[in-house]
Amino acid sequence: MPTIHTLAHQYKRSLFTYTGSVPEGVTLEFSGKPRISAEFFQTILNDFRGLTIPGGFNVSSLTPGGLGIWVKDHFQKLNLVGHYPRLASYIAAILVHEGYISSSLKRNAIMLHFPNNP
């Protein structure tokens, strides 16, 4: 049961725990215990293969082309439960933690780097 930080600026990170893994799906261990399916992770990895995109985790100001807005648009369709773009910071943190993607900071933006072959 890993405990890791969300992907956010240093002072906005929060610790969270999850069970499972990207290939089997994960359950976030906090209120509501949101479940993120393996298929949802795979769809993210396929849709962004070879790209670098902004995280776009700010709920009040969605970044076009960012993972936050993608999660907002796709989470309900693929997982049958609606959630908010902030959840993308948890998803991205898990993908980084498990070695599927990398991240960097560009000015004030978290950038996500998706390899050509996840």
N, C-alpha and C. Protein backbone atom coordinates (compact mmCIF):
# COMPACT_ATOMS: atom_id res chain seq x y z
N MET A 1 0.85 -1.17 0.00
CA MET A 1 0.00 0.00 0.00
C MET A 1 0.90 1.25 0.00
N PRO A 2 1.27 1.76 -1.20
CA PRO A 2 2.14 2.92 -1.26
C PRO A 2 1.48 4.19 -0.72
N THR A 3 2.29 5.03 -0.09
CA THR A 3 1.88 6.36 0.32
C THR A 3 2.82 7.33 -0.40
N ILE A 4 2.24 8.19 -1.25
CA ILE A 4 3.03 9.10 -2.07
C ILE A 4 2.39 10.48 -2.06
N HIS A 5 3.08 11.47 -2.64
CA HIS A 5 2.55 12.83 -2.77
C HIS A 5 1.84 13.01 -4.11
N THR A 6 0.80 13.83 -4.12
CA THR A 6 0.18 14.22 -5.38
C THR A 6 1.20 15.00 -6.19
N LEU A 7 0.97 15.11 -7.49
CA LEU A 7 1.82 15.97 -8.31
C LEU A 7 1.24 17.36 -8.24
N ALA A 8 1.98 18.25 -7.67
CA ALA A 8 1.58 19.65 -7.53
C ALA A 8 2.82 20.43 -7.14
N HIS A 9 2.67 21.72 -7.03
CA HIS A 9 3.78 22.54 -6.55
C HIS A 9 4.13 22.11 -5.14
N GLN A 10 5.37 22.30 -4.78
CA GLN A 10 5.91 21.81 -3.51
C GLN A 10 5.01 22.11 -2.31
N TYR A 11 4.40 23.28 -2.25
CA TYR A 11 3.61 23.67 -1.09
C TYR A 11 2.15 23.24 -1.19
N LYS A 12 1.76 22.67 -2.32
CA LYS A 12 0.37 22.24 -2.51
C LYS A 12 0.22 20.73 -2.56
N ARG A 13 1.31 20.02 -2.38
CA ARG A 13 1.25 18.56 -2.42
C ARG A 13 0.55 18.01 -1.20
N SER A 14 -0.11 16.89 -1.38
CA SER A 14 -0.69 16.20 -0.23
C SER A 14 -0.36 14.72 -0.34
N LEU A 15 -0.19 14.10 0.82
CA LEU A 15 0.09 12.67 0.87
C LEU A 15 -1.20 11.89 0.68
N PHE A 16 -1.09 10.77 -0.02
CA PHE A 16 -2.23 9.88 -0.14
C PHE A 16 -1.72 8.45 -0.24
N THR A 17 -2.59 7.53 0.05
CA THR A 17 -2.28 6.10 0.00
C THR A 17 -3.21 5.46 -1.02
N TYR A 18 -2.69 4.47 -1.72
CA TYR A 18 -3.53 3.73 -2.65
C TYR A 18 -3.20 2.25 -2.58
N THR A 19 -4.15 1.44 -2.98
CA THR A 19 -3.92 0.01 -3.10
C THR A 19 -4.04 -0.36 -4.57
N GLY A 20 -3.39 -1.46 -4.95
CA GLY A 20 -3.42 -1.90 -6.33
C GLY A 20 -2.23 -1.36 -7.10
N SER A 21 -2.37 -1.36 -8.43
CA SER A 21 -1.31 -0.90 -9.32
C SER A 21 -1.94 -0.49 -10.65
N VAL A 22 -1.13 0.14 -11.49
CA VAL A 22 -1.64 0.55 -12.80
C VAL A 22 -2.19 -0.65 -13.59
N PRO A 23 -1.47 -1.79 -13.67
CA PRO A 23 -2.01 -2.90 -14.47
C PRO A 23 -3.28 -3.56 -13.90
N GLU A 24 -3.51 -3.42 -12.60
CA GLU A 24 -4.71 -4.05 -12.02
C GLU A 24 -5.78 -3.05 -11.59
N GLY A 25 -5.49 -1.76 -11.68
CA GLY A 25 -6.39 -0.72 -11.21
C GLY A 25 -6.07 -0.38 -9.77
N VAL A 26 -6.45 0.81 -9.34
CA VAL A 26 -6.14 1.24 -7.98
C VAL A 26 -7.39 1.78 -7.28
N THR A 27 -7.33 1.74 -5.97
CA THR A 27 -8.33 2.37 -5.12
C THR A 27 -7.60 3.39 -4.27
N LEU A 28 -8.07 4.63 -4.32
CA LEU A 28 -7.48 5.69 -3.50
C LEU A 28 -8.04 5.59 -2.09
N GLU A 29 -7.17 5.59 -1.11
CA GLU A 29 -7.57 5.38 0.27
C GLU A 29 -7.89 6.70 0.97
N PHE A 30 -8.96 7.34 0.53
CA PHE A 30 -9.50 8.50 1.22
C PHE A 30 -11.00 8.53 1.00
N SER A 31 -11.65 9.52 1.51
CA SER A 31 -13.11 9.60 1.49
C SER A 31 -13.69 9.21 0.14
N GLY A 32 -14.60 8.28 0.16
CA GLY A 32 -15.25 7.80 -1.05
C GLY A 32 -14.51 6.68 -1.74
N LYS A 33 -13.26 6.49 -1.41
CA LYS A 33 -12.40 5.44 -2.00
C LYS A 33 -12.59 5.32 -3.51
N PRO A 34 -12.28 6.41 -4.24
CA PRO A 34 -12.43 6.35 -5.70
C PRO A 34 -11.59 5.22 -6.30
N ARG A 35 -12.16 4.56 -7.28
CA ARG A 35 -11.48 3.47 -7.99
C ARG A 35 -11.10 3.95 -9.38
N ILE A 36 -9.87 3.68 -9.77
CA ILE A 36 -9.38 4.02 -11.10
C ILE A 36 -9.01 2.70 -11.76
N SER A 37 -9.70 2.38 -12.81
CA SER A 37 -9.53 1.07 -13.44
C SER A 37 -8.22 1.00 -14.24
N ALA A 38 -7.77 -0.23 -14.45
CA ALA A 38 -6.59 -0.47 -15.28
C ALA A 38 -6.84 0.05 -16.69
N GLU A 39 -8.06 -0.10 -17.18
CA GLU A 39 -8.41 0.37 -18.52
C GLU A 39 -8.30 1.89 -18.63
N PHE A 40 -8.67 2.59 -17.55
CA PHE A 40 -8.57 4.05 -17.56
C PHE A 40 -7.11 4.47 -17.64
N PHE A 41 -6.25 3.84 -16.85
CA PHE A 41 -4.81 4.13 -16.93
C PHE A 41 -4.29 3.84 -18.33
N GLN A 42 -4.68 2.70 -18.90
CA GLN A 42 -4.20 2.33 -20.23
C GLN A 42 -4.67 3.31 -21.29
N THR A 43 -5.89 3.80 -21.16
CA THR A 43 -6.41 4.79 -22.11
C THR A 43 -5.59 6.07 -22.04
N ILE A 44 -5.25 6.51 -20.84
CA ILE A 44 -4.40 7.70 -20.68
C ILE A 44 -3.05 7.46 -21.36
N LEU A 45 -2.42 6.34 -21.07
CA LEU A 45 -1.11 6.05 -21.66
C LEU A 45 -1.17 5.98 -23.17
N ASN A 46 -2.24 5.42 -23.72
CA ASN A 46 -2.40 5.33 -25.18
C ASN A 46 -2.68 6.69 -25.79
N ASP A 47 -3.59 7.46 -25.19
CA ASP A 47 -3.98 8.75 -25.76
C ASP A 47 -2.84 9.76 -25.77
N PHE A 48 -1.93 9.67 -24.81
CA PHE A 48 -0.85 10.66 -24.70
C PHE A 48 0.52 10.09 -25.06
N ARG A 49 0.56 8.91 -25.64
CA ARG A 49 1.83 8.26 -26.01
C ARG A 49 2.71 9.21 -26.81
N GLY A 50 3.95 9.39 -26.34
CA GLY A 50 4.93 10.21 -27.05
C GLY A 50 4.77 11.71 -26.87
N LEU A 51 3.84 12.13 -26.03
CA LEU A 51 3.58 13.57 -25.86
C LEU A 51 4.05 14.08 -24.51
N THR A 52 4.26 15.39 -24.46
CA THR A 52 4.46 16.10 -23.20
C THR A 52 3.28 17.05 -23.07
N ILE A 53 2.55 16.94 -21.96
CA ILE A 53 1.35 17.76 -21.76
C ILE A 53 1.40 18.41 -20.39
N PRO A 54 0.65 19.50 -20.20
CA PRO A 54 0.56 20.08 -18.86
C PRO A 54 -0.33 19.22 -17.96
N GLY A 55 -0.05 19.25 -16.68
CA GLY A 55 -0.89 18.52 -15.73
C GLY A 55 -2.28 19.12 -15.70
N GLY A 56 -2.38 20.44 -15.55
CA GLY A 56 -3.67 21.10 -15.53
C GLY A 56 -4.56 20.65 -14.40
N PHE A 57 -4.01 20.60 -13.17
CA PHE A 57 -4.72 20.07 -12.02
C PHE A 57 -5.59 21.08 -11.29
N ASN A 58 -5.53 22.35 -11.67
CA ASN A 58 -6.30 23.39 -10.98
C ASN A 58 -7.77 23.30 -11.39
N VAL A 59 -8.62 23.01 -10.44
CA VAL A 59 -10.04 22.79 -10.71
C VAL A 59 -10.73 24.07 -11.22
N SER A 60 -10.31 25.22 -10.73
CA SER A 60 -10.99 26.46 -11.10
C SER A 60 -10.48 27.05 -12.41
N SER A 61 -9.37 26.55 -12.92
CA SER A 61 -8.80 27.08 -14.15
C SER A 61 -8.20 25.94 -14.96
N LEU A 62 -9.04 25.25 -15.70
CA LEU A 62 -8.59 24.08 -16.45
C LEU A 62 -7.68 24.47 -17.61
N THR A 63 -6.56 23.77 -17.74
CA THR A 63 -5.60 24.04 -18.79
C THR A 63 -5.97 23.25 -20.04
N PRO A 64 -6.20 23.94 -21.16
CA PRO A 64 -6.51 23.21 -22.40
C PRO A 64 -5.38 22.23 -22.73
N GLY A 65 -5.74 21.01 -23.09
CA GLY A 65 -4.76 20.00 -23.44
C GLY A 65 -4.12 19.31 -22.25
N GLY A 66 -4.52 19.69 -21.04
CA GLY A 66 -3.94 19.11 -19.84
C GLY A 66 -4.65 17.83 -19.40
N LEU A 67 -3.97 17.09 -18.52
CA LEU A 67 -4.56 15.86 -18.03
C LEU A 67 -5.81 16.13 -17.19
N GLY A 68 -5.83 17.24 -16.47
CA GLY A 68 -6.99 17.57 -15.64
C GLY A 68 -8.28 17.65 -16.44
N ILE A 69 -8.26 18.34 -17.54
CA ILE A 69 -9.47 18.47 -18.36
C ILE A 69 -9.80 17.14 -19.05
N TRP A 70 -8.77 16.37 -19.41
CA TRP A 70 -9.00 15.06 -20.01
C TRP A 70 -9.71 14.15 -19.02
N VAL A 71 -9.25 14.15 -17.77
CA VAL A 71 -9.89 13.33 -16.74
C VAL A 71 -11.33 13.78 -16.54
N LYS A 72 -11.54 15.09 -16.47
CA LYS A 72 -12.90 15.61 -16.31
C LYS A 72 -13.81 15.10 -17.43
N ASP A 73 -13.32 15.11 -18.64
CA ASP A 73 -14.12 14.71 -19.80
C ASP A 73 -14.31 13.20 -19.93
N HIS A 74 -13.36 12.40 -19.42
CA HIS A 74 -13.38 10.96 -19.66
C HIS A 74 -13.68 10.08 -18.46
N PHE A 75 -13.51 10.58 -17.25
CA PHE A 75 -13.63 9.70 -16.09
C PHE A 75 -15.00 9.08 -15.97
N GLN A 76 -16.03 9.88 -16.11
CA GLN A 76 -17.39 9.33 -15.98
C GLN A 76 -17.69 8.32 -17.08
N LYS A 77 -17.27 8.62 -18.29
CA LYS A 77 -17.54 7.73 -19.42
C LYS A 77 -16.87 6.37 -19.25
N LEU A 78 -15.66 6.35 -18.71
CA LEU A 78 -14.91 5.10 -18.62
C LEU A 78 -15.08 4.38 -17.29
N ASN A 79 -15.40 5.10 -16.22
CA ASN A 79 -15.49 4.48 -14.91
C ASN A 79 -16.88 4.53 -14.29
N LEU A 80 -17.82 5.14 -14.97
CA LEU A 80 -19.21 5.22 -14.52
C LEU A 80 -19.41 6.03 -13.25
N VAL A 81 -18.41 6.80 -12.84
CA VAL A 81 -18.53 7.68 -11.68
C VAL A 81 -17.87 8.99 -12.05
N GLY A 82 -18.52 10.10 -11.80
CA GLY A 82 -17.92 11.39 -12.11
C GLY A 82 -16.98 11.86 -11.02
N HIS A 83 -15.90 12.48 -11.40
CA HIS A 83 -14.97 13.09 -10.45
C HIS A 83 -14.46 14.39 -11.02
N TYR A 84 -13.55 15.01 -10.36
CA TYR A 84 -13.08 16.34 -10.70
C TYR A 84 -11.64 16.28 -11.20
N PRO A 85 -11.17 17.33 -11.90
CA PRO A 85 -9.83 17.32 -12.48
C PRO A 85 -8.71 17.18 -11.44
N ARG A 86 -8.94 17.59 -10.21
CA ARG A 86 -7.90 17.44 -9.18
C ARG A 86 -7.49 15.97 -9.03
N LEU A 87 -8.39 15.07 -9.31
CA LEU A 87 -8.07 13.65 -9.27
C LEU A 87 -6.92 13.32 -10.22
N ALA A 88 -6.76 14.12 -11.26
CA ALA A 88 -5.67 13.90 -12.21
C ALA A 88 -4.30 14.00 -11.53
N SER A 89 -4.17 14.80 -10.47
CA SER A 89 -2.89 14.90 -9.78
C SER A 89 -2.55 13.60 -9.05
N TYR A 90 -3.56 12.87 -8.63
CA TYR A 90 -3.35 11.56 -8.01
C TYR A 90 -2.99 10.54 -9.10
N ILE A 91 -3.72 10.56 -10.19
CA ILE A 91 -3.48 9.63 -11.29
C ILE A 91 -2.06 9.83 -11.83
N ALA A 92 -1.67 11.08 -12.07
CA ALA A 92 -0.34 11.36 -12.59
C ALA A 92 0.74 10.92 -11.59
N ALA A 93 0.51 11.16 -10.30
CA ALA A 93 1.49 10.75 -9.28
C ALA A 93 1.69 9.24 -9.28
N ILE A 94 0.60 8.50 -9.45
CA ILE A 94 0.71 7.04 -9.49
C ILE A 94 1.48 6.60 -10.74
N LEU A 95 1.19 7.21 -11.88
CA LEU A 95 1.90 6.86 -13.12
C LEU A 95 3.39 7.16 -13.00
N VAL A 96 3.74 8.28 -12.35
CA VAL A 96 5.17 8.60 -12.13
C VAL A 96 5.77 7.61 -11.15
N HIS A 97 5.09 7.38 -10.03
CA HIS A 97 5.60 6.48 -8.99
C HIS A 97 5.88 5.08 -9.53
N GLU A 98 5.02 4.60 -10.42
CA GLU A 98 5.18 3.25 -10.95
C GLU A 98 6.04 3.22 -12.22
N GLY A 99 6.59 4.37 -12.62
CA GLY A 99 7.55 4.41 -13.72
C GLY A 99 6.98 4.45 -15.12
N TYR A 100 5.70 4.78 -15.27
CA TYR A 100 5.09 4.82 -16.59
C TYR A 100 5.34 6.14 -17.31
N ILE A 101 5.44 7.24 -16.55
CA ILE A 101 5.69 8.56 -17.12
C ILE A 101 6.69 9.27 -16.21
N SER A 102 7.15 10.44 -16.66
CA SER A 102 7.97 11.30 -15.81
C SER A 102 7.33 12.68 -15.79
N SER A 103 7.79 13.52 -14.87
CA SER A 103 7.23 14.87 -14.76
C SER A 103 8.36 15.87 -14.55
N SER A 104 8.05 17.11 -14.86
CA SER A 104 9.00 18.20 -14.64
C SER A 104 8.20 19.48 -14.37
N LEU A 105 8.90 20.51 -13.97
CA LEU A 105 8.27 21.80 -13.71
C LEU A 105 8.75 22.77 -14.78
N LYS A 106 7.81 23.42 -15.46
CA LYS A 106 8.11 24.44 -16.47
C LYS A 106 7.43 25.72 -16.02
N ARG A 107 8.22 26.66 -15.53
CA ARG A 107 7.69 27.85 -14.86
C ARG A 107 6.78 27.38 -13.72
N ASN A 108 5.52 27.65 -13.78
CA ASN A 108 4.60 27.23 -12.72
C ASN A 108 3.78 26.00 -13.08
N ALA A 109 4.07 25.41 -14.23
CA ALA A 109 3.25 24.29 -14.70
C ALA A 109 3.94 22.95 -14.50
N ILE A 110 3.18 21.97 -14.02
CA ILE A 110 3.66 20.60 -13.96
C ILE A 110 3.50 20.02 -15.36
N MET A 111 4.58 19.50 -15.92
CA MET A 111 4.54 18.90 -17.25
C MET A 111 4.67 17.39 -17.11
N LEU A 112 3.90 16.67 -17.89
CA LEU A 112 3.90 15.21 -17.86
C LEU A 112 4.48 14.69 -19.17
N HIS A 113 5.45 13.79 -19.07
CA HIS A 113 6.15 13.27 -20.23
C HIS A 113 5.78 11.80 -20.42
N PHE A 114 5.10 11.52 -21.50
CA PHE A 114 4.64 10.18 -21.82
C PHE A 114 5.60 9.58 -22.86
N PRO A 115 6.21 8.45 -22.56
CA PRO A 115 7.13 7.84 -23.53
C PRO A 115 6.39 7.28 -24.74
N ASN A 116 7.13 7.01 -25.81
CA ASN A 116 6.54 6.40 -27.00
C ASN A 116 6.08 4.98 -26.74
N ASN A 117 6.76 4.29 -25.85
CA ASN A 117 6.43 2.89 -25.53
C ASN A 117 6.22 2.74 -24.03
N PRO A 118 4.97 2.91 -23.57
CA PRO A 118 4.75 2.82 -22.11
C PRO A 118 4.96 1.41 -21.59
